Amino acid sequence: MLKSYVVIKTQTMKNTFFFLLSFLILQSCIDRDPNLDRDGKSVFEENQIFLDAVDLKLRDTVYIPIYSDIYSESKDQRFYLTATLSIRNTSLTDSIFIGDIDYYDTEGAFVRHYIEKTLLLKPMQSIEYIIEKDDKVGGAGANFIVNWGANSKQVRPLFQGVMISTQGQQGISFLTEGVSISRKAENKAEPDLVQRKESLVEE
């Protein structure tokens, strides 16, 4: 009777062990989205609000270069990278509002839209979004276009792309800075420029 009990208990322990082992293997095989929090929500979702962008005193459009891959040794060999879009509100007092975050590939084709509502970044708040190494659709000339605004003309947020990867014993990392492609400031300056040219001609 005792021997039978020991055999049954041993078999039960083996079954439990194999069940746990299978569960751990299965979990390790599931791809986890790095842009979801523990509750499975997007990192952008909790910061999204409804806002009329017309009320903002400052609006701008920023271009951020992103490299999904770079060439290595020749054009036929590519080094694939994990890229992170980083947006940082550097103001101690003012919030910024992100209206659009759009991703484009090397050919300039639209790839995806990341937010459906305005994204609020409070003073000194930052947010990141990851383009995984296996996401190769962007290519070497990928980019983000970000439309943002604020209620103060003094805010200067940072828009950066951070690229990193390792392959064997090789590793690479670098960052890119976003640049404003909005022409509103240029258009406002045009009348002054014309007046300067006229004054030079008169002289």
N, C-alpha and C. Protein backbone atom coordinates (compact mmCIF):
# COMPACT_ATOMS: atom_id res chain seq x y z
N MET A 1 0.82 -1.20 0.00
CA MET A 1 0.00 0.00 0.00
C MET A 1 0.86 1.26 0.00
N LEU A 2 1.91 1.23 0.85
CA LEU A 2 2.83 2.36 0.94
C LEU A 2 3.56 2.55 -0.37
N LYS A 3 3.97 1.44 -0.99
CA LYS A 3 4.71 1.51 -2.25
C LYS A 3 3.83 2.11 -3.34
N SER A 4 2.57 1.71 -3.36
CA SER A 4 1.64 2.25 -4.35
C SER A 4 1.46 3.75 -4.17
N TYR A 5 1.39 4.19 -2.91
CA TYR A 5 1.22 5.60 -2.61
C TYR A 5 2.44 6.41 -3.08
N VAL A 6 3.63 5.87 -2.87
CA VAL A 6 4.86 6.53 -3.28
C VAL A 6 4.91 6.66 -4.79
N VAL A 7 4.51 5.63 -5.50
CA VAL A 7 4.53 5.66 -6.97
C VAL A 7 3.57 6.71 -7.50
N ILE A 8 2.37 6.77 -6.91
CA ILE A 8 1.37 7.74 -7.35
C ILE A 8 1.85 9.16 -7.08
N LYS A 9 2.45 9.37 -5.90
CA LYS A 9 2.93 10.69 -5.55
C LYS A 9 4.07 11.13 -6.46
N THR A 10 4.97 10.19 -6.78
CA THR A 10 6.09 10.50 -7.67
C THR A 10 5.58 10.87 -9.06
N GLN A 11 4.58 10.12 -9.55
CA GLN A 11 4.02 10.39 -10.87
C GLN A 11 3.34 11.76 -10.90
N THR A 12 2.67 12.10 -9.81
CA THR A 12 2.00 13.40 -9.72
C THR A 12 3.02 14.54 -9.75
N MET A 13 4.15 14.35 -9.05
CA MET A 13 5.19 15.36 -9.04
C MET A 13 5.80 15.53 -10.43
N LYS A 14 5.97 14.42 -11.14
CA LYS A 14 6.51 14.48 -12.50
C LYS A 14 5.56 15.25 -13.42
N ASN A 15 4.27 14.95 -13.30
CA ASN A 15 3.28 15.64 -14.14
C ASN A 15 3.27 17.14 -13.86
N THR A 16 3.37 17.47 -12.57
CA THR A 16 3.40 18.89 -12.19
C THR A 16 4.65 19.58 -12.75
N PHE A 17 5.78 18.89 -12.67
CA PHE A 17 7.04 19.44 -13.17
C PHE A 17 6.96 19.70 -14.67
N PHE A 18 6.46 18.71 -15.42
CA PHE A 18 6.37 18.87 -16.87
C PHE A 18 5.36 19.96 -17.26
N PHE A 19 4.30 20.09 -16.47
CA PHE A 19 3.32 21.13 -16.73
C PHE A 19 3.94 22.52 -16.55
N LEU A 20 4.68 22.70 -15.46
CA LEU A 20 5.34 23.98 -15.20
C LEU A 20 6.40 24.29 -16.25
N LEU A 21 7.14 23.25 -16.64
CA LEU A 21 8.18 23.43 -17.65
C LEU A 21 7.56 23.85 -18.98
N SER A 22 6.48 23.20 -19.37
CA SER A 22 5.80 23.53 -20.61
C SER A 22 5.24 24.95 -20.58
N PHE A 23 4.71 25.33 -19.42
CA PHE A 23 4.15 26.69 -19.26
C PHE A 23 5.24 27.74 -19.43
N LEU A 24 6.40 27.51 -18.81
CA LEU A 24 7.50 28.48 -18.90
C LEU A 24 8.02 28.58 -20.33
N ILE A 25 8.12 27.45 -21.02
CA ILE A 25 8.58 27.47 -22.41
C ILE A 25 7.60 28.23 -23.28
N LEU A 26 6.31 27.98 -23.05
CA LEU A 26 5.28 28.67 -23.83
C LEU A 26 5.33 30.17 -23.61
N GLN A 27 5.50 30.59 -22.36
CA GLN A 27 5.57 32.01 -22.04
C GLN A 27 6.77 32.67 -22.69
N SER A 28 7.90 31.96 -22.74
CA SER A 28 9.11 32.53 -23.33
C SER A 28 8.99 32.68 -24.82
N CYS A 29 8.09 31.91 -25.44
CA CYS A 29 7.93 31.96 -26.90
C CYS A 29 6.96 33.06 -27.32
N ILE A 30 6.16 33.58 -26.38
CA ILE A 30 5.18 34.59 -26.72
C ILE A 30 5.89 35.93 -26.87
N ASP A 31 5.65 36.61 -28.01
CA ASP A 31 6.25 37.91 -28.24
C ASP A 31 5.54 38.96 -27.40
N ARG A 32 6.30 39.66 -26.60
CA ARG A 32 5.74 40.70 -25.76
C ARG A 32 5.93 42.05 -26.43
N ASP A 33 4.88 42.82 -26.50
CA ASP A 33 4.95 44.14 -27.08
C ASP A 33 5.58 45.09 -26.08
N PRO A 34 6.75 45.66 -26.38
CA PRO A 34 7.43 46.53 -25.42
C PRO A 34 6.70 47.86 -25.21
N ASN A 35 5.71 48.14 -26.06
CA ASN A 35 4.99 49.40 -25.95
C ASN A 35 3.68 49.27 -25.19
N LEU A 36 3.49 48.14 -24.51
CA LEU A 36 2.32 47.94 -23.66
C LEU A 36 2.75 47.89 -22.20
N ASP A 37 1.90 48.43 -21.32
CA ASP A 37 2.21 48.37 -19.90
C ASP A 37 1.77 47.02 -19.33
N ARG A 38 1.85 46.86 -18.02
CA ARG A 38 1.51 45.58 -17.39
C ARG A 38 0.04 45.21 -17.57
N ASP A 39 -0.80 46.22 -17.79
CA ASP A 39 -2.22 45.96 -17.97
C ASP A 39 -2.59 45.74 -19.44
N GLY A 40 -1.57 45.76 -20.31
CA GLY A 40 -1.81 45.53 -21.73
C GLY A 40 -2.27 46.77 -22.49
N LYS A 41 -2.14 47.96 -21.87
CA LYS A 41 -2.54 49.19 -22.52
C LYS A 41 -1.33 49.85 -23.18
N SER A 42 -1.59 50.59 -24.26
CA SER A 42 -0.53 51.31 -24.95
C SER A 42 0.07 52.36 -24.03
N VAL A 43 1.39 52.61 -24.19
CA VAL A 43 2.05 53.62 -23.37
C VAL A 43 1.49 55.01 -23.66
N PHE A 44 0.88 55.19 -24.84
CA PHE A 44 0.29 56.48 -25.18
C PHE A 44 -1.12 56.64 -24.62
N GLU A 45 -1.82 55.52 -24.43
CA GLU A 45 -3.26 55.57 -24.16
C GLU A 45 -3.63 56.35 -22.91
N GLU A 46 -2.90 56.16 -21.82
CA GLU A 46 -3.27 56.81 -20.55
C GLU A 46 -3.05 58.31 -20.57
N ASN A 47 -2.25 58.80 -21.55
CA ASN A 47 -1.98 60.23 -21.63
C ASN A 47 -2.80 60.94 -22.69
N GLN A 48 -3.72 60.23 -23.36
CA GLN A 48 -4.50 60.84 -24.42
C GLN A 48 -5.71 61.59 -23.86
N ILE A 49 -5.97 62.77 -24.44
CA ILE A 49 -7.09 63.59 -24.01
C ILE A 49 -7.76 64.20 -25.24
N PHE A 50 -8.92 64.78 -25.04
CA PHE A 50 -9.59 65.53 -26.10
C PHE A 50 -9.23 67.00 -25.95
N LEU A 51 -8.78 67.62 -27.06
CA LEU A 51 -8.35 69.01 -27.00
C LEU A 51 -8.53 69.66 -28.36
N ASP A 52 -9.00 70.89 -28.36
CA ASP A 52 -9.12 71.67 -29.59
C ASP A 52 -7.79 72.35 -29.86
N ALA A 53 -7.05 71.86 -30.84
CA ALA A 53 -5.69 72.36 -31.11
C ALA A 53 -5.70 73.82 -31.57
N VAL A 54 -6.85 74.32 -32.02
CA VAL A 54 -6.92 75.71 -32.47
C VAL A 54 -6.63 76.68 -31.34
N ASP A 55 -6.90 76.28 -30.10
CA ASP A 55 -6.71 77.16 -28.96
C ASP A 55 -5.25 77.32 -28.55
N LEU A 56 -4.35 76.51 -29.11
CA LEU A 56 -2.95 76.55 -28.71
C LEU A 56 -2.24 77.76 -29.31
N LYS A 57 -1.38 78.39 -28.52
CA LYS A 57 -0.64 79.56 -28.97
C LYS A 57 0.54 79.19 -29.87
N LEU A 58 1.06 78.00 -29.70
CA LEU A 58 2.21 77.55 -30.48
C LEU A 58 1.93 76.19 -31.09
N ARG A 59 2.18 76.06 -32.39
CA ARG A 59 2.05 74.77 -33.07
C ARG A 59 3.26 74.57 -33.98
N ASP A 60 3.72 73.34 -34.06
CA ASP A 60 4.92 73.06 -34.85
C ASP A 60 4.88 71.63 -35.36
N THR A 61 5.65 71.36 -36.40
CA THR A 61 5.80 70.01 -36.96
C THR A 61 7.27 69.64 -36.94
N VAL A 62 7.58 68.48 -36.39
CA VAL A 62 8.98 68.05 -36.22
C VAL A 62 9.22 66.74 -36.98
N TYR A 63 10.37 66.68 -37.64
CA TYR A 63 10.82 65.49 -38.38
C TYR A 63 11.92 64.81 -37.57
N ILE A 64 11.74 63.53 -37.25
CA ILE A 64 12.75 62.78 -36.49
C ILE A 64 13.26 61.61 -37.34
N PRO A 65 14.54 61.61 -37.74
CA PRO A 65 15.09 60.49 -38.52
C PRO A 65 15.15 59.22 -37.68
N ILE A 66 14.75 58.11 -38.28
CA ILE A 66 14.80 56.80 -37.63
C ILE A 66 15.47 55.81 -38.59
N TYR A 67 16.36 54.99 -38.06
CA TYR A 67 17.05 53.98 -38.86
C TYR A 67 16.63 52.58 -38.39
N SER A 68 15.80 51.92 -39.20
CA SER A 68 15.46 50.52 -38.90
C SER A 68 16.64 49.61 -39.17
N ASP A 69 17.49 50.03 -40.10
CA ASP A 69 18.71 49.29 -40.40
C ASP A 69 19.73 50.24 -41.02
N ILE A 70 20.98 49.84 -41.00
CA ILE A 70 22.05 50.58 -41.67
C ILE A 70 22.89 49.58 -42.45
N TYR A 71 23.60 50.09 -43.42
CA TYR A 71 24.43 49.22 -44.24
C TYR A 71 25.74 48.88 -43.53
N SER A 72 26.19 47.64 -43.71
CA SER A 72 27.42 47.18 -43.09
C SER A 72 28.32 46.56 -44.16
N GLU A 73 29.48 47.17 -44.36
CA GLU A 73 30.50 46.72 -45.32
C GLU A 73 30.07 46.92 -46.77
N SER A 74 28.85 46.53 -47.13
CA SER A 74 28.36 46.71 -48.49
C SER A 74 26.86 46.95 -48.44
N LYS A 75 26.30 47.32 -49.60
CA LYS A 75 24.87 47.60 -49.66
C LYS A 75 24.04 46.34 -49.52
N ASP A 76 24.67 45.19 -49.69
CA ASP A 76 23.95 43.91 -49.59
C ASP A 76 23.88 43.40 -48.15
N GLN A 77 24.65 44.00 -47.26
CA GLN A 77 24.66 43.56 -45.86
C GLN A 77 24.06 44.65 -44.98
N ARG A 78 23.05 44.29 -44.24
CA ARG A 78 22.35 45.26 -43.39
C ARG A 78 22.49 44.89 -41.92
N PHE A 79 22.55 45.91 -41.10
CA PHE A 79 22.64 45.77 -39.66
C PHE A 79 21.32 46.29 -39.10
N TYR A 80 20.48 45.40 -38.61
CA TYR A 80 19.15 45.80 -38.15
C TYR A 80 19.19 46.35 -36.73
N LEU A 81 18.38 47.39 -36.49
CA LEU A 81 18.46 48.14 -35.24
C LEU A 81 17.11 48.20 -34.53
N THR A 82 17.17 48.31 -33.22
CA THR A 82 16.00 48.66 -32.42
C THR A 82 16.01 50.17 -32.25
N ALA A 83 14.89 50.81 -32.58
CA ALA A 83 14.82 52.27 -32.52
C ALA A 83 13.80 52.72 -31.49
N THR A 84 14.11 53.81 -30.81
CA THR A 84 13.20 54.38 -29.82
C THR A 84 12.93 55.84 -30.14
N LEU A 85 11.65 56.17 -30.26
CA LEU A 85 11.26 57.58 -30.38
C LEU A 85 11.10 58.13 -28.97
N SER A 86 11.84 59.19 -28.65
CA SER A 86 11.78 59.80 -27.33
C SER A 86 11.28 61.23 -27.45
N ILE A 87 10.22 61.55 -26.70
CA ILE A 87 9.68 62.91 -26.66
C ILE A 87 9.75 63.38 -25.23
N ARG A 88 10.42 64.52 -25.00
CA ARG A 88 10.65 65.02 -23.64
C ARG A 88 10.17 66.46 -23.53
N ASN A 89 9.30 66.71 -22.59
CA ASN A 89 8.88 68.06 -22.29
C ASN A 89 9.88 68.66 -21.30
N THR A 90 10.61 69.67 -21.74
CA THR A 90 11.68 70.24 -20.91
C THR A 90 11.20 71.41 -20.06
N SER A 91 9.93 71.76 -20.17
CA SER A 91 9.41 72.89 -19.40
C SER A 91 9.08 72.49 -17.97
N LEU A 92 9.42 73.37 -17.03
CA LEU A 92 9.10 73.15 -15.63
C LEU A 92 7.67 73.57 -15.28
N THR A 93 7.03 74.33 -16.18
CA THR A 93 5.73 74.90 -15.85
C THR A 93 4.62 74.61 -16.85
N ASP A 94 4.97 74.33 -18.11
CA ASP A 94 3.95 74.20 -19.16
C ASP A 94 3.87 72.79 -19.74
N SER A 95 2.65 72.37 -20.02
CA SER A 95 2.42 71.09 -20.68
C SER A 95 2.56 71.27 -22.20
N ILE A 96 2.82 70.18 -22.90
CA ILE A 96 2.78 70.19 -24.37
C ILE A 96 1.75 69.17 -24.83
N PHE A 97 1.25 69.38 -26.03
CA PHE A 97 0.18 68.56 -26.57
C PHE A 97 0.61 68.01 -27.93
N ILE A 98 0.60 66.68 -28.05
CA ILE A 98 1.02 66.01 -29.28
C ILE A 98 -0.23 65.65 -30.07
N GLY A 99 -0.37 66.23 -31.27
CA GLY A 99 -1.56 65.98 -32.08
C GLY A 99 -1.45 64.77 -32.98
N ASP A 100 -0.24 64.53 -33.52
CA ASP A 100 -0.03 63.41 -34.44
C ASP A 100 1.36 62.82 -34.24
N ILE A 101 1.45 61.50 -34.32
CA ILE A 101 2.73 60.80 -34.38
C ILE A 101 2.60 59.80 -35.53
N ASP A 102 3.20 60.12 -36.67
CA ASP A 102 3.08 59.29 -37.86
C ASP A 102 4.44 58.74 -38.28
N TYR A 103 4.43 57.49 -38.75
CA TYR A 103 5.67 56.79 -39.13
C TYR A 103 5.69 56.61 -40.64
N TYR A 104 6.81 56.97 -41.28
CA TYR A 104 6.98 56.87 -42.73
C TYR A 104 8.22 56.02 -43.04
N ASP A 105 8.19 55.34 -44.20
CA ASP A 105 9.32 54.50 -44.57
C ASP A 105 10.30 55.25 -45.46
N THR A 106 11.31 54.55 -45.95
CA THR A 106 12.37 55.15 -46.75
C THR A 106 11.85 55.81 -48.02
N GLU A 107 10.80 55.23 -48.62
CA GLU A 107 10.24 55.76 -49.85
C GLU A 107 9.30 56.94 -49.60
N GLY A 108 9.10 57.29 -48.35
CA GLY A 108 8.19 58.38 -48.03
C GLY A 108 6.75 57.94 -47.91
N ALA A 109 6.51 56.64 -47.93
CA ALA A 109 5.15 56.11 -47.82
C ALA A 109 4.71 56.05 -46.36
N PHE A 110 3.46 56.43 -46.11
CA PHE A 110 2.91 56.37 -44.77
C PHE A 110 2.82 54.92 -44.30
N VAL A 111 3.30 54.64 -43.07
CA VAL A 111 3.29 53.29 -42.52
C VAL A 111 2.19 53.12 -41.49
N ARG A 112 2.19 53.97 -40.47
CA ARG A 112 1.16 53.84 -39.42
C ARG A 112 1.01 55.13 -38.62
N HIS A 113 -0.18 55.25 -38.04
CA HIS A 113 -0.53 56.39 -37.18
C HIS A 113 -0.59 55.87 -35.75
N TYR A 114 0.05 56.58 -34.81
CA TYR A 114 0.22 56.04 -33.47
C TYR A 114 -0.80 56.51 -32.44
N ILE A 115 -1.40 57.66 -32.63
CA ILE A 115 -2.36 58.13 -31.63
C ILE A 115 -3.64 58.58 -32.32
N GLU A 116 -4.77 58.36 -31.64
CA GLU A 116 -6.07 58.75 -32.17
C GLU A 116 -6.58 60.03 -31.53
N LYS A 117 -6.09 60.36 -30.35
CA LYS A 117 -6.46 61.58 -29.65
C LYS A 117 -5.19 62.34 -29.29
N THR A 118 -5.37 63.58 -28.85
CA THR A 118 -4.22 64.39 -28.46
C THR A 118 -3.51 63.79 -27.25
N LEU A 119 -2.19 63.80 -27.31
CA LEU A 119 -1.37 63.24 -26.24
C LEU A 119 -0.86 64.38 -25.35
N LEU A 120 -1.14 64.28 -24.07
CA LEU A 120 -0.72 65.31 -23.11
C LEU A 120 0.58 64.89 -22.42
N LEU A 121 1.57 65.78 -22.46
CA LEU A 121 2.80 65.58 -21.69
C LEU A 121 2.91 66.72 -20.68
N LYS A 122 2.84 66.39 -19.42
CA LYS A 122 2.90 67.38 -18.35
C LYS A 122 4.33 67.92 -18.22
N PRO A 123 4.53 69.01 -17.46
CA PRO A 123 5.88 69.56 -17.28
C PRO A 123 6.89 68.50 -16.85
N MET A 124 8.01 68.45 -17.57
CA MET A 124 9.12 67.53 -17.32
C MET A 124 8.79 66.06 -17.60
N GLN A 125 7.64 65.79 -18.18
CA GLN A 125 7.27 64.41 -18.48
C GLN A 125 7.88 63.97 -19.81
N SER A 126 8.21 62.70 -19.91
CA SER A 126 8.76 62.11 -21.14
C SER A 126 7.97 60.87 -21.51
N ILE A 127 8.05 60.52 -22.80
CA ILE A 127 7.40 59.30 -23.26
C ILE A 127 8.24 58.71 -24.38
N GLU A 128 8.25 57.39 -24.46
CA GLU A 128 9.05 56.71 -25.47
C GLU A 128 8.19 55.68 -26.21
N TYR A 129 8.56 55.43 -27.46
CA TYR A 129 7.91 54.35 -28.22
C TYR A 129 8.98 53.60 -28.98
N ILE A 130 8.89 52.28 -28.94
CA ILE A 130 9.95 51.42 -29.49
C ILE A 130 9.55 50.82 -30.83
N ILE A 131 10.45 50.93 -31.80
CA ILE A 131 10.33 50.20 -33.06
C ILE A 131 11.27 49.00 -32.94
N GLU A 132 10.71 47.81 -32.84
CA GLU A 132 11.51 46.63 -32.57
C GLU A 132 12.43 46.27 -33.74
N LYS A 133 13.46 45.54 -33.43
CA LYS A 133 14.46 45.15 -34.41
C LYS A 133 13.85 44.35 -35.56
N ASP A 134 12.82 43.54 -35.26
CA ASP A 134 12.19 42.73 -36.28
C ASP A 134 11.23 43.52 -37.16
N ASP A 135 10.92 44.75 -36.77
CA ASP A 135 10.04 45.61 -37.57
C ASP A 135 10.90 46.30 -38.63
N LYS A 136 11.01 45.70 -39.80
CA LYS A 136 11.95 46.17 -40.82
C LYS A 136 11.30 47.02 -41.91
N VAL A 137 10.03 47.37 -41.73
CA VAL A 137 9.30 48.05 -42.78
C VAL A 137 9.83 49.46 -43.06
N GLY A 138 10.40 50.11 -42.04
CA GLY A 138 10.84 51.49 -42.21
C GLY A 138 12.05 51.65 -43.11
N GLY A 139 13.08 50.84 -42.87
CA GLY A 139 14.30 50.93 -43.65
C GLY A 139 15.25 51.99 -43.13
N ALA A 140 16.32 52.22 -43.89
CA ALA A 140 17.38 53.14 -43.46
C ALA A 140 16.94 54.60 -43.49
N GLY A 141 15.86 54.89 -44.20
CA GLY A 141 15.41 56.28 -44.30
C GLY A 141 14.08 56.54 -43.62
N ALA A 142 13.73 55.73 -42.64
CA ALA A 142 12.45 55.90 -41.95
C ALA A 142 12.44 57.19 -41.12
N ASN A 143 11.26 57.64 -40.77
CA ASN A 143 11.16 58.85 -39.98
C ASN A 143 9.80 58.96 -39.29
N PHE A 144 9.78 59.76 -38.24
CA PHE A 144 8.54 60.13 -37.56
C PHE A 144 8.23 61.59 -37.88
N ILE A 145 6.95 61.87 -38.11
CA ILE A 145 6.47 63.24 -38.20
C ILE A 145 5.57 63.48 -36.99
N VAL A 146 5.94 64.47 -36.18
CA VAL A 146 5.19 64.76 -34.95
C VAL A 146 4.64 66.19 -35.02
N ASN A 147 3.33 66.32 -34.89
CA ASN A 147 2.69 67.63 -34.79
C ASN A 147 2.39 67.89 -33.31
N TRP A 148 2.86 69.02 -32.81
CA TRP A 148 2.69 69.31 -31.40
C TRP A 148 2.37 70.79 -31.20
N GLY A 149 1.92 71.11 -29.99
CA GLY A 149 1.60 72.49 -29.68
C GLY A 149 1.68 72.74 -28.18
N ALA A 150 1.56 74.01 -27.81
CA ALA A 150 1.62 74.39 -26.40
C ALA A 150 0.93 75.73 -26.23
N ASN A 151 0.62 76.06 -24.99
CA ASN A 151 -0.01 77.33 -24.67
C ASN A 151 1.01 78.41 -24.36
N SER A 152 2.28 78.07 -24.47
CA SER A 152 3.35 79.03 -24.28
C SER A 152 4.32 78.93 -25.45
N LYS A 153 4.81 80.06 -25.92
CA LYS A 153 5.75 80.07 -27.03
C LYS A 153 7.20 79.86 -26.56
N GLN A 154 7.39 79.67 -25.25
CA GLN A 154 8.73 79.52 -24.70
C GLN A 154 9.16 78.06 -24.54
N VAL A 155 8.25 77.13 -24.72
CA VAL A 155 8.61 75.72 -24.49
C VAL A 155 9.50 75.20 -25.60
N ARG A 156 10.44 74.33 -25.24
CA ARG A 156 11.38 73.75 -26.19
C ARG A 156 11.53 72.25 -25.91
N PRO A 157 10.56 71.45 -26.33
CA PRO A 157 10.66 70.01 -26.08
C PRO A 157 11.76 69.37 -26.92
N LEU A 158 12.21 68.21 -26.49
CA LEU A 158 13.22 67.45 -27.22
C LEU A 158 12.56 66.27 -27.93
N PHE A 159 12.90 66.10 -29.21
CA PHE A 159 12.44 64.97 -30.01
C PHE A 159 13.68 64.24 -30.51
N GLN A 160 13.85 62.99 -30.10
CA GLN A 160 15.06 62.24 -30.45
C GLN A 160 14.72 60.83 -30.91
N GLY A 161 15.59 60.31 -31.76
CA GLY A 161 15.54 58.91 -32.14
C GLY A 161 16.79 58.23 -31.60
N VAL A 162 16.63 57.13 -30.86
CA VAL A 162 17.76 56.41 -30.28
C VAL A 162 17.82 55.02 -30.90
N MET A 163 18.93 54.72 -31.55
CA MET A 163 19.11 53.44 -32.22
C MET A 163 20.17 52.60 -31.51
N ILE A 164 19.91 51.30 -31.37
CA ILE A 164 20.86 50.40 -30.70
C ILE A 164 20.68 48.99 -31.22
N SER A 165 21.79 48.25 -31.25
CA SER A 165 21.72 46.84 -31.64
C SER A 165 23.04 46.15 -31.31
N THR A 166 22.97 44.85 -31.15
CA THR A 166 24.16 44.02 -30.98
C THR A 166 24.05 42.81 -31.91
N GLN A 167 25.18 42.41 -32.42
CA GLN A 167 25.23 41.25 -33.30
C GLN A 167 26.58 40.56 -33.10
N GLY A 168 26.54 39.38 -32.46
CA GLY A 168 27.80 38.72 -32.12
C GLY A 168 28.54 39.55 -31.09
N GLN A 169 29.78 39.90 -31.41
CA GLN A 169 30.58 40.73 -30.51
C GLN A 169 30.54 42.20 -30.91
N GLN A 170 29.73 42.53 -31.91
CA GLN A 170 29.62 43.91 -32.37
C GLN A 170 28.41 44.59 -31.75
N GLY A 171 28.55 45.85 -31.44
CA GLY A 171 27.44 46.63 -30.90
C GLY A 171 27.48 48.04 -31.47
N ILE A 172 26.31 48.63 -31.61
CA ILE A 172 26.25 49.98 -32.15
C ILE A 172 25.10 50.73 -31.49
N SER A 173 25.30 52.02 -31.25
CA SER A 173 24.23 52.87 -30.72
C SER A 173 24.50 54.31 -31.13
N PHE A 174 23.46 55.03 -31.44
CA PHE A 174 23.58 56.44 -31.80
C PHE A 174 22.20 57.08 -31.70
N LEU A 175 22.15 58.40 -31.74
CA LEU A 175 20.87 59.09 -31.67
C LEU A 175 20.77 60.15 -32.75
N THR A 176 19.53 60.52 -33.07
CA THR A 176 19.25 61.58 -34.02
C THR A 176 18.38 62.62 -33.34
N GLU A 177 18.50 63.86 -33.78
CA GLU A 177 17.71 64.96 -33.22
C GLU A 177 16.60 65.34 -34.19
N GLY A 178 15.43 65.63 -33.64
CA GLY A 178 14.33 66.10 -34.46
C GLY A 178 14.56 67.53 -34.92
N VAL A 179 14.07 67.85 -36.11
CA VAL A 179 14.19 69.21 -36.65
C VAL A 179 12.81 69.72 -37.04
N SER A 180 12.57 71.00 -36.81
CA SER A 180 11.29 71.61 -37.17
C SER A 180 11.20 71.76 -38.68
N ILE A 181 10.09 71.35 -39.26
CA ILE A 181 9.86 71.53 -40.70
C ILE A 181 8.66 72.43 -40.94
N SER A 182 8.20 73.09 -39.89
CA SER A 182 7.09 74.03 -40.02
C SER A 182 7.60 75.32 -40.63
N ARG A 183 6.86 75.88 -41.59
CA ARG A 183 7.27 77.09 -42.28
C ARG A 183 6.56 78.35 -41.76
N LYS A 184 5.84 78.20 -40.65
CA LYS A 184 5.08 79.34 -40.13
C LYS A 184 6.00 80.48 -39.72
N ALA A 185 7.12 80.13 -39.07
CA ALA A 185 8.05 81.16 -38.62
C ALA A 185 8.67 81.89 -39.82
N GLU A 186 8.96 81.13 -40.90
CA GLU A 186 9.55 81.73 -42.09
C GLU A 186 8.56 82.69 -42.75
N ASN A 187 7.29 82.30 -42.81
CA ASN A 187 6.27 83.13 -43.45
C ASN A 187 6.09 84.44 -42.70
N LYS A 188 6.16 84.40 -41.35
CA LYS A 188 6.01 85.61 -40.56
C LYS A 188 7.18 86.56 -40.78
N ALA A 189 8.35 86.00 -41.10
CA ALA A 189 9.55 86.83 -41.24
C ALA A 189 9.67 87.45 -42.62
N GLU A 190 8.87 87.00 -43.59
CA GLU A 190 9.01 87.46 -44.96
C GLU A 190 8.79 88.95 -45.13
N PRO A 191 7.76 89.61 -44.51
CA PRO A 191 7.57 91.05 -44.69
C PRO A 191 8.79 91.85 -44.25
N ASP A 192 9.40 91.51 -43.10
CA ASP A 192 10.60 92.20 -42.63
C ASP A 192 11.74 92.07 -43.62
N LEU A 193 11.85 90.89 -44.21
CA LEU A 193 12.92 90.64 -45.16
C LEU A 193 12.74 91.51 -46.40
N VAL A 194 11.50 91.65 -46.85
CA VAL A 194 11.22 92.49 -48.02
C VAL A 194 11.56 93.95 -47.74
N GLN A 195 11.22 94.43 -46.54
CA GLN A 195 11.51 95.81 -46.18
C GLN A 195 13.01 96.06 -46.14
N ARG A 196 13.77 95.08 -45.65
CA ARG A 196 15.24 95.23 -45.60
C ARG A 196 15.81 95.34 -47.01
N LYS A 197 15.28 94.53 -47.92
CA LYS A 197 15.77 94.56 -49.30
C LYS A 197 15.48 95.89 -49.96
N GLU A 198 14.25 96.45 -49.67
CA GLU A 198 13.88 97.74 -50.26
C GLU A 198 14.77 98.84 -49.73
N SER A 199 15.11 98.79 -48.44
CA SER A 199 15.96 99.83 -47.87
C SER A 199 17.36 99.78 -48.45
N LEU A 200 17.85 98.57 -48.74
CA LEU A 200 19.17 98.44 -49.35
C LEU A 200 19.19 99.01 -50.75
N VAL A 201 18.09 98.82 -51.50
CA VAL A 201 18.00 99.33 -52.86
C VAL A 201 17.99 100.84 -52.86
N GLU A 202 17.24 101.46 -51.90
CA GLU A 202 17.16 102.91 -51.81
C GLU A 202 18.51 103.53 -51.52
N GLU A 203 19.30 102.85 -50.69
CA GLU A 203 20.63 103.36 -50.34
C GLU A 203 21.55 103.32 -51.56
